[in-house]
Amino acid sequence: MSIPQNKEVEEAILCCCLIGDTFESISNLIKEEDFHYENHKIIWRSCLELLEEGVTIDMVTLSEKVKSHNLFDTVVYLSDRVQTTTQINDYIKILLEKSKLRAMRREYMLALERIESDGKSDDIQEKIDRELDQFKPIERETTHIKNSLDIIKNEYDAITKGEYVPS
């Protein structure tokens, strides 16, 4: 049984974070634990720290930030992977779905352990329901992604046409 994850999607999201103000636009939609790979969690956390410090997130600043974690080469690799943010909406939906599936898998495995240790069915069901209820807000949040993505796409288009005027 394989753990739900998509390395390419995680990498694509992190790549998009290096383009313009993308990270700032999506940072409230994704949590560190939505990433499966530990290196990707560290890079996401580093982006959050840079944002909090008021530092522009790009290949140079992020590489410097993750140097102590020996992830310099990973950031350089990521910086060449994706050149546009037009698909980020799709990437985020996939990432959140995989994250939700991992959480469900984890909770059901814990439920199996509780069953095997002679737990009470009502208690087990209540814990499963409570854990899965945390994912209901994800469905609402993903509808807000499109608005952020439209802003990013418009700014990116303006930059590529030489018409960008910073606000």
Foldseek 3Di string as FASTA:
>chain_A
DDQQADPVLLLQQLLVVQPDPSCVLCVVLDALLLHDDPVSSQLNVLSVVCVVVVHRDHLVSSLVSCVVVVCNVVSVVSNPPDDDCLCNLVSSVSSLVSSLRNQLVVLVVVLVVCVVVVHDPVVSVVSSVVSNVVCPVSVVSSVCSVVSSVVRVVQVVCVVVVNHDDD
